[in-house]
């Protein structure tokens, strides 16, 4: 299941495959034509309340994932759609955060790899 993760501000590449923006808000300063996204799935992003609570504080990472995974349980159809796409071809989750290791794209990838069985 080839799921890649990339900042939306990085240069698009053919190896990205199907490019999916998974943030609730459009990235600041990014023109839609420059982003070259195939799909924007904002409903899969963490709720505004969770995003603000987490605030990319590393000490909150495990609790953020637990809460986000609980939110994802209510998005089963969308998760399954992303999982099916990933089982058929390379998919890249795009995010805008400056935090590259502990962000919603990393958590979503983990959740899909743990829970989606093609």
Protein backbone atom coordinates (compact mmCIF):
# COMPACT_ATOMS: atom_id res chain seq x y z
CA UNK A 1 0.00 0.00 0.00
CA UNK A 2 2.13 2.88 -1.26
CA UNK A 3 1.06 5.96 0.68
CA UNK A 4 3.54 8.82 0.53
CA UNK A 5 3.48 12.01 2.58
CA UNK A 6 4.59 15.40 1.31
CA UNK A 7 4.24 19.08 2.12
CA UNK A 8 1.98 20.71 -0.44
CA UNK A 9 4.64 23.42 -0.89
CA UNK A 10 7.16 20.89 -2.23
CA UNK A 11 7.50 20.54 -5.99
CA UNK A 12 5.05 18.01 -7.44
CA UNK A 13 6.65 14.90 -8.90
CA UNK A 14 5.41 12.12 -11.19
CA UNK A 15 6.27 9.61 -8.47
CA UNK A 16 3.65 11.24 -6.20
CA UNK A 17 0.93 9.39 -8.07
CA UNK A 18 -2.55 10.50 -6.98
CA UNK A 19 -2.15 13.71 -4.95
CA UNK A 20 -4.66 14.29 -2.14
CA UNK A 21 -4.76 17.40 0.04
CA UNK A 22 -5.98 16.31 3.47
CA UNK A 23 -6.06 19.66 5.28
CA UNK A 24 -9.30 21.38 6.26
CA UNK A 25 -7.97 24.80 5.21
CA UNK A 26 -6.41 25.72 1.89
CA UNK A 27 -2.61 26.25 2.26
CA UNK A 28 -1.61 29.89 2.68
CA UNK A 29 -0.10 31.50 -0.37
CA UNK A 30 -0.62 28.41 -2.55
CA UNK A 31 -2.27 28.86 -5.93
CA UNK A 32 -4.54 25.99 -6.93
CA UNK A 33 -2.73 25.47 -10.22
CA UNK A 34 0.65 25.27 -8.42
CA UNK A 35 -0.60 22.68 -5.93
CA UNK A 36 -1.47 20.21 -8.69
CA UNK A 37 -3.78 18.23 -6.45
CA UNK A 38 -6.07 15.52 -7.77
CA UNK A 39 -8.48 15.72 -4.86
CA UNK A 40 -9.08 17.83 -1.75
CA UNK A 41 -10.59 15.75 1.05
CA UNK A 42 -11.02 18.37 3.75
CA UNK A 43 -13.59 16.33 5.69
CA UNK A 44 -10.89 13.77 6.58
CA UNK A 45 -8.82 16.42 8.37
CA UNK A 46 -8.94 16.72 12.17
CA UNK A 47 -11.75 18.88 13.52
CA UNK A 48 -10.93 22.53 14.12
CA UNK A 49 -11.21 21.93 17.86
CA UNK A 50 -8.71 19.05 17.76
CA UNK A 51 -6.33 20.90 15.45
CA UNK A 52 -6.29 23.94 17.74
CA UNK A 53 -5.91 21.81 20.87
CA UNK A 54 -2.95 19.90 19.43
CA UNK A 55 -1.15 22.97 18.08
CA UNK A 56 1.70 20.67 16.95
CA UNK A 57 2.99 20.21 20.50
CA UNK A 58 5.07 16.99 20.43
CA UNK A 59 4.06 16.10 24.00
CA UNK A 60 0.43 15.86 22.82
CA UNK A 61 1.15 13.61 19.80
CA UNK A 62 -0.10 10.28 21.18
CA UNK A 63 -3.26 11.84 22.59
CA UNK A 64 -3.79 13.73 19.31
CA UNK A 65 -3.60 10.45 17.38
CA UNK A 66 -6.03 8.75 19.77
CA UNK A 67 -8.55 11.57 19.39
CA UNK A 68 -8.03 11.84 15.63
CA UNK A 69 -8.45 8.08 15.16
CA UNK A 70 -11.74 8.35 17.04
CA UNK A 71 -12.84 11.09 14.64
CA UNK A 72 -11.79 8.92 11.70
CA UNK A 73 -14.09 6.15 12.89
CA UNK A 74 -16.93 8.44 11.83
CA UNK A 75 -15.37 8.81 8.36
CA UNK A 76 -15.24 5.12 7.43
CA UNK A 77 -16.46 5.62 3.86
CA UNK A 78 -13.87 8.29 3.11
CA UNK A 79 -11.10 6.25 4.78
CA UNK A 80 -12.09 3.20 2.73
CA UNK A 81 -12.06 5.24 -0.50
CA UNK A 82 -8.53 6.46 0.24
CA UNK A 83 -7.47 2.94 1.22
CA UNK A 84 -8.83 1.52 -2.05
CA UNK A 85 -6.97 4.16 -4.08
CA UNK A 86 -3.77 3.40 -2.18
CA UNK A 87 -4.18 -0.35 -2.85
CA UNK A 88 -4.43 0.32 -6.60
CA UNK A 89 -1.67 2.90 -7.12
CA UNK A 90 0.66 5.30 -5.36
CA UNK A 91 -1.15 8.01 -3.42
CA UNK A 92 0.44 11.04 -1.75
CA UNK A 93 -1.15 12.79 1.22
CA UNK A 94 -0.42 16.50 1.02
CA UNK A 95 -0.33 18.69 4.11
CA UNK A 96 0.70 22.29 4.77
CA UNK A 97 2.12 22.17 8.30
CA UNK A 98 5.75 23.06 8.89
CA UNK A 99 5.84 20.08 11.27
CA UNK A 100 6.86 17.22 8.99
CA UNK A 101 7.00 14.32 11.47
CA UNK A 102 4.00 14.76 13.76
CA UNK A 103 1.07 15.90 11.65
CA UNK A 104 -2.34 14.72 10.48
CA UNK A 105 -0.94 13.19 7.26
CA UNK A 106 1.37 10.91 9.26
CA UNK A 107 -1.49 9.97 11.59
CA UNK A 108 -3.91 9.33 8.71
CA UNK A 109 -1.39 7.12 6.92
CA UNK A 110 -0.89 5.11 10.12
CA UNK A 111 -4.65 4.77 10.63
CA UNK A 112 -5.27 3.55 7.07
CA UNK A 113 -2.37 1.09 7.16
CA UNK A 114 -3.66 -0.33 10.48
CA UNK A 115 -7.34 -0.49 9.59
CA UNK A 116 -7.81 -0.81 5.84
CA UNK A 117 -7.71 -4.31 4.41
CA UNK A 118 -8.26 -4.41 0.61
